[in-house]
N, C-alpha and C. Protein backbone atom coordinates (compact mmCIF):
# COMPACT_ATOMS: atom_id res chain seq x y z
N MET A 1 157.17 167.42 2.93
CA MET A 1 155.80 167.78 3.18
C MET A 1 155.41 167.47 4.62
N LEU A 2 155.77 166.30 5.09
CA LEU A 2 155.42 165.91 6.46
C LEU A 2 156.05 166.87 7.47
N ASN A 3 157.29 167.25 7.25
CA ASN A 3 157.98 168.17 8.16
C ASN A 3 157.34 169.55 8.18
N ARG A 4 156.61 169.90 7.15
CA ARG A 4 155.93 171.20 7.08
C ARG A 4 154.50 171.13 7.60
N GLY A 5 154.12 169.99 8.19
CA GLY A 5 152.79 169.85 8.76
C GLY A 5 151.80 169.16 7.85
N GLY A 6 152.26 168.65 6.73
CA GLY A 6 151.37 167.94 5.81
C GLY A 6 151.01 166.56 6.33
N VAL A 7 150.14 165.92 5.62
CA VAL A 7 149.65 164.59 5.99
C VAL A 7 150.06 163.61 4.91
N ILE A 8 150.48 162.42 5.33
CA ILE A 8 150.80 161.36 4.39
C ILE A 8 149.88 160.18 4.67
N GLY A 9 149.75 159.32 3.72
CA GLY A 9 148.95 158.12 3.89
C GLY A 9 149.38 157.08 2.89
N GLY A 10 148.96 155.87 3.11
CA GLY A 10 149.27 154.80 2.18
C GLY A 10 148.55 153.54 2.58
N SER A 11 148.35 152.68 1.64
CA SER A 11 147.76 151.38 1.92
C SER A 11 148.63 150.31 1.29
N SER A 12 148.54 149.12 1.81
CA SER A 12 149.31 148.00 1.32
C SER A 12 150.80 148.33 1.41
N ALA A 13 151.55 148.18 0.34
CA ALA A 13 152.98 148.49 0.37
C ALA A 13 153.23 149.96 0.69
N GLY A 14 152.29 150.82 0.35
CA GLY A 14 152.41 152.24 0.65
C GLY A 14 152.36 152.53 2.14
N ALA A 15 151.75 151.64 2.91
CA ALA A 15 151.77 151.77 4.37
C ALA A 15 153.05 151.16 4.94
N THR A 16 153.44 150.02 4.41
CA THR A 16 154.62 149.32 4.92
C THR A 16 155.88 150.16 4.80
N ILE A 17 156.06 150.85 3.71
CA ILE A 17 157.27 151.64 3.46
C ILE A 17 157.40 152.81 4.42
N GLN A 18 156.32 153.19 5.10
CA GLN A 18 156.36 154.35 5.99
C GLN A 18 157.06 154.07 7.32
N GLY A 19 157.23 152.82 7.68
CA GLY A 19 157.95 152.49 8.90
C GLY A 19 159.45 152.66 8.72
N SER A 20 160.18 152.62 9.81
CA SER A 20 161.64 152.72 9.71
C SER A 20 162.26 151.40 9.27
N TYR A 21 161.62 150.28 9.60
CA TYR A 21 162.09 148.97 9.17
C TYR A 21 161.12 148.44 8.12
N LEU A 22 161.64 148.07 6.97
CA LEU A 22 160.80 147.60 5.86
C LEU A 22 160.67 146.08 5.92
N VAL A 23 159.48 145.60 6.21
CA VAL A 23 159.21 144.16 6.13
C VAL A 23 158.75 143.83 4.72
N ARG A 24 158.97 142.61 4.30
CA ARG A 24 158.55 142.14 2.97
C ARG A 24 159.18 142.96 1.84
N GLY A 25 160.40 143.44 2.05
CA GLY A 25 161.07 144.25 1.03
C GLY A 25 161.94 143.47 0.08
N ALA A 26 161.97 142.16 0.23
CA ALA A 26 162.85 141.33 -0.60
C ALA A 26 162.43 141.35 -2.06
N PRO A 27 163.37 141.51 -2.96
CA PRO A 27 163.02 141.48 -4.38
C PRO A 27 162.51 140.11 -4.85
N GLU A 28 162.84 139.06 -4.09
CA GLU A 28 162.40 137.70 -4.47
C GLU A 28 160.92 137.47 -4.25
N GLY A 29 160.30 138.24 -3.37
CA GLY A 29 158.87 138.07 -3.13
C GLY A 29 158.46 138.57 -1.76
N ASN A 30 157.17 138.85 -1.59
CA ASN A 30 156.70 139.44 -0.34
C ASN A 30 156.47 138.41 0.76
N TYR A 31 156.81 137.17 0.54
CA TYR A 31 156.69 136.15 1.56
C TYR A 31 157.91 136.16 2.48
N ILE A 32 158.96 136.91 2.13
CA ILE A 32 160.18 137.00 2.94
C ILE A 32 160.06 138.24 3.83
N MET A 33 160.09 138.04 5.14
CA MET A 33 159.89 139.15 6.07
C MET A 33 161.12 140.04 6.20
N MET A 34 162.31 139.42 6.28
CA MET A 34 163.54 140.19 6.48
C MET A 34 164.52 139.85 5.37
N SER A 35 165.03 140.86 4.70
CA SER A 35 165.95 140.65 3.58
C SER A 35 167.09 141.64 3.70
N HIS A 36 168.28 141.13 4.02
CA HIS A 36 169.45 142.00 4.19
C HIS A 36 169.64 142.89 2.96
N GLY A 37 169.81 144.16 3.22
CA GLY A 37 169.97 145.13 2.13
C GLY A 37 168.67 145.73 1.63
N HIS A 38 167.55 145.19 2.10
CA HIS A 38 166.23 145.68 1.69
C HIS A 38 165.34 145.88 2.91
N GLU A 39 165.91 146.49 3.95
CA GLU A 39 165.20 146.59 5.23
C GLU A 39 164.92 148.02 5.67
N GLU A 40 165.29 149.00 4.90
CA GLU A 40 165.13 150.39 5.33
C GLU A 40 163.90 151.03 4.71
N GLY A 41 162.96 151.40 5.58
CA GLY A 41 161.77 152.12 5.13
C GLY A 41 162.02 153.62 5.15
N PHE A 42 160.98 154.39 4.89
CA PHE A 42 161.10 155.85 4.87
C PHE A 42 161.28 156.44 6.27
N GLY A 43 160.83 155.73 7.30
CA GLY A 43 160.99 156.20 8.67
C GLY A 43 160.04 157.30 9.09
N PHE A 44 158.92 157.44 8.39
CA PHE A 44 157.92 158.44 8.80
C PHE A 44 157.38 158.10 10.19
N LEU A 45 157.21 156.81 10.46
CA LEU A 45 156.84 156.34 11.80
C LEU A 45 158.09 155.67 12.36
N ARG A 46 158.83 156.42 13.16
CA ARG A 46 160.15 155.96 13.63
C ARG A 46 160.04 154.73 14.53
N ASN A 47 161.09 153.92 14.47
CA ASN A 47 161.20 152.72 15.32
C ASN A 47 160.00 151.80 15.17
N SER A 48 159.58 151.59 13.95
CA SER A 48 158.42 150.74 13.71
C SER A 48 158.64 149.83 12.51
N ALA A 49 157.91 148.74 12.51
CA ALA A 49 157.82 147.82 11.37
C ALA A 49 156.33 147.63 11.10
N ILE A 50 155.90 147.93 9.90
CA ILE A 50 154.47 147.90 9.56
C ILE A 50 154.22 146.77 8.56
N ASP A 51 153.29 145.90 8.89
CA ASP A 51 152.88 144.84 7.96
C ASP A 51 151.42 145.06 7.60
N GLN A 52 151.03 144.62 6.43
CA GLN A 52 149.69 144.89 5.92
C GLN A 52 148.95 143.60 5.59
N HIS A 53 147.66 143.72 5.39
CA HIS A 53 146.77 142.59 5.05
C HIS A 53 146.87 141.49 6.11
N LEU A 54 146.96 141.90 7.36
CA LEU A 54 147.24 140.99 8.45
C LEU A 54 146.21 139.86 8.56
N LEU A 55 144.95 140.19 8.62
CA LEU A 55 143.91 139.17 8.76
C LEU A 55 143.52 138.56 7.43
N ALA A 56 143.42 139.39 6.41
CA ALA A 56 142.97 138.91 5.10
C ALA A 56 143.89 137.82 4.54
N ARG A 57 145.19 137.92 4.85
CA ARG A 57 146.15 136.94 4.33
C ARG A 57 146.73 136.04 5.42
N LYS A 58 146.06 136.04 6.58
CA LYS A 58 146.46 135.18 7.71
C LYS A 58 147.93 135.40 8.10
N ARG A 59 148.30 136.65 8.30
CA ARG A 59 149.67 137.02 8.63
C ARG A 59 149.82 137.43 10.10
N GLU A 60 148.94 136.96 10.96
CA GLU A 60 148.91 137.42 12.34
C GLU A 60 150.25 137.25 13.06
N ASN A 61 150.99 136.22 12.75
CA ASN A 61 152.24 135.94 13.46
C ASN A 61 153.50 136.31 12.68
N ASP A 62 153.35 136.87 11.50
CA ASP A 62 154.51 137.12 10.65
C ASP A 62 155.48 138.15 11.20
N LEU A 63 155.00 139.10 11.99
CA LEU A 63 155.89 140.13 12.54
C LEU A 63 156.71 139.63 13.73
N LEU A 64 156.33 138.51 14.32
CA LEU A 64 157.02 138.03 15.52
C LEU A 64 158.52 137.85 15.33
N PRO A 65 159.01 137.21 14.27
CA PRO A 65 160.47 137.08 14.12
C PRO A 65 161.17 138.42 13.94
N VAL A 66 160.50 139.37 13.32
CA VAL A 66 161.09 140.70 13.13
C VAL A 66 161.27 141.37 14.49
N ILE A 67 160.24 141.33 15.33
CA ILE A 67 160.29 141.97 16.64
C ILE A 67 161.26 141.23 17.57
N ARG A 68 161.36 139.92 17.44
CA ARG A 68 162.34 139.18 18.25
C ARG A 68 163.76 139.62 17.90
N ARG A 69 164.03 139.79 16.63
CA ARG A 69 165.37 140.21 16.20
C ARG A 69 165.63 141.68 16.48
N HIS A 70 164.58 142.50 16.44
CA HIS A 70 164.71 143.95 16.62
C HIS A 70 163.71 144.40 17.70
N PRO A 71 163.97 144.09 18.98
CA PRO A 71 162.99 144.38 20.03
C PRO A 71 162.74 145.86 20.27
N GLN A 72 163.55 146.72 19.72
CA GLN A 72 163.33 148.16 19.87
C GLN A 72 162.22 148.67 18.96
N LEU A 73 161.77 147.85 18.01
CA LEU A 73 160.74 148.26 17.06
C LEU A 73 159.34 148.01 17.61
N LEU A 74 158.43 148.88 17.23
CA LEU A 74 157.00 148.67 17.46
C LEU A 74 156.45 147.97 16.22
N GLY A 75 155.88 146.81 16.39
CA GLY A 75 155.26 146.10 15.28
C GLY A 75 153.83 146.55 15.10
N VAL A 76 153.49 146.99 13.91
CA VAL A 76 152.14 147.48 13.61
C VAL A 76 151.56 146.62 12.50
N GLY A 77 150.43 145.99 12.78
CA GLY A 77 149.75 145.18 11.78
C GLY A 77 148.44 145.82 11.39
N ILE A 78 148.23 146.02 10.10
CA ILE A 78 146.99 146.63 9.62
C ILE A 78 146.33 145.71 8.60
N ASP A 79 145.05 145.93 8.37
CA ASP A 79 144.34 145.12 7.38
C ASP A 79 143.70 145.96 6.32
């Protein structure tokens, strides 16, 4: 749909999965930022890592280790 000019959207986990790098994808819980084998998002927004509920859950610094490990990514924090 997106390739045909459609629009996509999502909130919470629905926003996070749209990046190329999936943060908080660990099956053990969403408190884990990076989980080997659970890091691939849909890639609608290429070269990005999207985190959600940034201010509401005091996650302002949670993307920092992800960006340090993967400096080619754009870290996007939404609330």
